[in-house]
Amino acid sequence: MRLLVDENISPETARFLDEEGHDVELVRDKDLGARDTEVADIAREQNRSILTQDTDFGEIYYFSRPEDLTIIVVKPSKQSVESINDLLEKHLQKVDSETSGLYILTESGYRTLK
């Protein structure tokens, strides 16, 4: 999966995803402090799914062009790299990056809003 990792996700998680075979780019490498709308534009331009903990991306999904944007929001029970990596390992393969959508990954499962 082609992922654009938001600034609120650790570079350690980005390395984990890279080791799992995903094509990973970090927002912090592009423009530290980028606004969410800019992150969405970069994701669209590069055909990447956004990985974030920022629920504000839900508004961007609904009030912009959702047909060409996939957003994956992780909501771990503990704020640790290990918890986030465990969530991704458990649920990321269920995300259809070919179909736009808003995906919420939690300990108890995942939800898709399209």
Protein backbone atom coordinates (compact mmCIF):
# COMPACT_ATOMS: atom_id res chain seq x y z
CA MET A 1 0.00 0.00 0.00
CA ARG A 2 1.19 3.54 -0.76
CA LEU A 3 1.00 5.53 2.47
CA LEU A 4 1.56 9.15 3.44
CA VAL A 5 2.31 9.09 7.17
CA ASP A 6 1.12 12.16 9.07
CA GLU A 7 3.35 13.98 11.55
CA ASN A 8 1.53 12.51 14.55
CA ILE A 9 2.69 8.99 13.64
CA SER A 10 6.18 7.99 14.76
CA PRO A 11 8.96 7.43 12.21
CA GLU A 12 9.37 4.07 13.95
CA THR A 13 5.92 3.10 12.71
CA ALA A 14 6.88 4.29 9.23
CA ARG A 15 9.95 2.01 9.35
CA PHE A 16 7.76 -0.86 10.54
CA LEU A 17 5.41 -0.34 7.59
CA ASP A 18 8.33 -0.09 5.17
CA GLU A 19 9.70 -3.38 6.49
CA GLU A 20 6.25 -4.90 5.94
CA GLY A 21 6.55 -3.99 2.25
CA HIS A 22 4.52 -0.78 2.09
CA ASP A 23 5.60 2.27 0.08
CA VAL A 24 5.89 4.91 2.80
CA GLU A 25 6.42 8.68 2.64
CA LEU A 26 6.47 10.89 5.74
CA VAL A 27 4.77 14.29 5.90
CA ARG A 28 7.60 15.51 8.17
CA ASP A 29 10.04 14.93 5.28
CA LYS A 30 7.96 17.13 2.98
CA ASP A 31 6.94 20.19 4.98
CA LEU A 32 6.98 20.18 8.77
CA GLY A 33 3.84 21.83 10.01
CA ALA A 34 1.83 21.22 6.83
CA ARG A 35 -1.88 21.92 7.15
CA ASP A 36 -4.22 18.95 6.87
CA THR A 37 -5.61 20.21 3.56
CA GLU A 38 -2.06 20.32 2.17
CA VAL A 39 -1.47 16.76 3.37
CA ALA A 40 -4.65 15.69 1.58
CA ASP A 41 -3.50 17.40 -1.61
CA ILE A 42 -0.11 15.64 -1.44
CA ALA A 43 -1.85 12.29 -0.90
CA ARG A 44 -4.06 12.88 -3.94
CA GLU A 45 -1.14 13.98 -6.13
CA GLN A 46 0.91 10.93 -5.18
CA ASN A 47 -2.00 8.47 -5.05
CA ARG A 48 -1.33 7.64 -1.39
CA SER A 49 -3.53 6.80 1.57
CA ILE A 50 -3.11 9.08 4.59
CA LEU A 51 -2.20 7.37 7.88
CA THR A 52 -2.94 9.57 10.88
CA GLN A 53 -4.25 9.81 14.43
CA ASP A 54 -5.94 13.14 13.60
CA THR A 55 -9.71 12.76 13.48
CA ASP A 56 -9.97 16.20 11.82
CA PHE A 57 -9.18 14.43 8.55
CA GLY A 58 -12.76 13.15 8.69
CA GLU A 59 -13.96 16.66 7.90
CA ILE A 60 -11.58 16.90 4.99
CA TYR A 61 -12.85 13.57 3.71
CA TYR A 62 -16.50 14.64 3.86
CA PHE A 63 -16.19 18.24 2.75
CA SER A 64 -13.71 17.90 -0.08
CA ARG A 65 -13.37 15.40 -2.89
CA PRO A 66 -13.78 12.11 -1.00
CA GLU A 67 -13.95 10.07 -4.19
CA ASP A 68 -10.18 10.26 -4.60
CA LEU A 69 -8.97 10.15 -0.99
CA THR A 70 -8.34 7.31 1.45
CA ILE A 71 -7.75 8.19 5.10
CA ILE A 72 -6.77 5.68 7.76
CA VAL A 73 -7.20 6.93 11.33
CA VAL A 74 -5.63 4.83 14.08
CA LYS A 75 -7.10 5.12 17.56
CA PRO A 76 -4.97 2.97 19.87
CA SER A 77 -5.95 2.36 23.49
CA LYS A 78 -2.39 3.29 24.53
CA GLN A 79 -0.30 6.00 22.91
CA SER A 80 2.75 3.95 22.05
CA VAL A 81 4.53 2.90 18.89
CA GLU A 82 3.89 -0.74 19.79
CA SER A 83 0.12 -0.20 20.17
CA ILE A 84 -0.12 1.59 16.84
CA ASN A 85 2.00 -1.04 15.08
CA ASP A 86 -0.15 -3.81 16.58
CA LEU A 87 -3.31 -2.08 15.31
CA LEU A 88 -1.84 -1.72 11.84
CA GLU A 89 -0.63 -5.30 11.77
CA LYS A 90 -4.08 -6.49 12.81
CA HIS A 91 -6.24 -4.34 10.51
CA LEU A 92 -4.29 -2.67 7.69
CA GLN A 93 -4.71 -5.57 5.27
CA LYS A 94 -8.49 -5.01 5.49
CA VAL A 95 -8.20 -1.49 4.06
CA ASP A 96 -8.99 -1.33 0.36
CA SER A 97 -6.57 1.34 -0.84
CA GLU A 98 -8.05 1.12 -4.34
CA THR A 99 -11.41 2.40 -3.10
CA SER A 100 -11.58 5.75 -1.36
CA GLY A 101 -12.87 5.78 2.17
CA LEU A 102 -12.37 6.81 5.75
CA TYR A 103 -11.13 3.91 7.85
CA ILE A 104 -11.06 4.00 11.65
CA LEU A 105 -8.84 1.34 13.24
CA THR A 106 -9.34 0.54 16.93
CA GLU A 107 -8.47 -2.29 19.30
CA SER A 108 -11.95 -3.75 18.94
CA GLY A 109 -12.03 -3.65 15.14
CA TYR A 110 -12.32 -1.24 12.28
CA ARG A 111 -15.03 0.84 10.67
CA THR A 112 -15.27 2.02 7.11
CA LEU A 113 -17.11 5.15 6.13
CA LYS A 114 -17.57 5.66 2.41
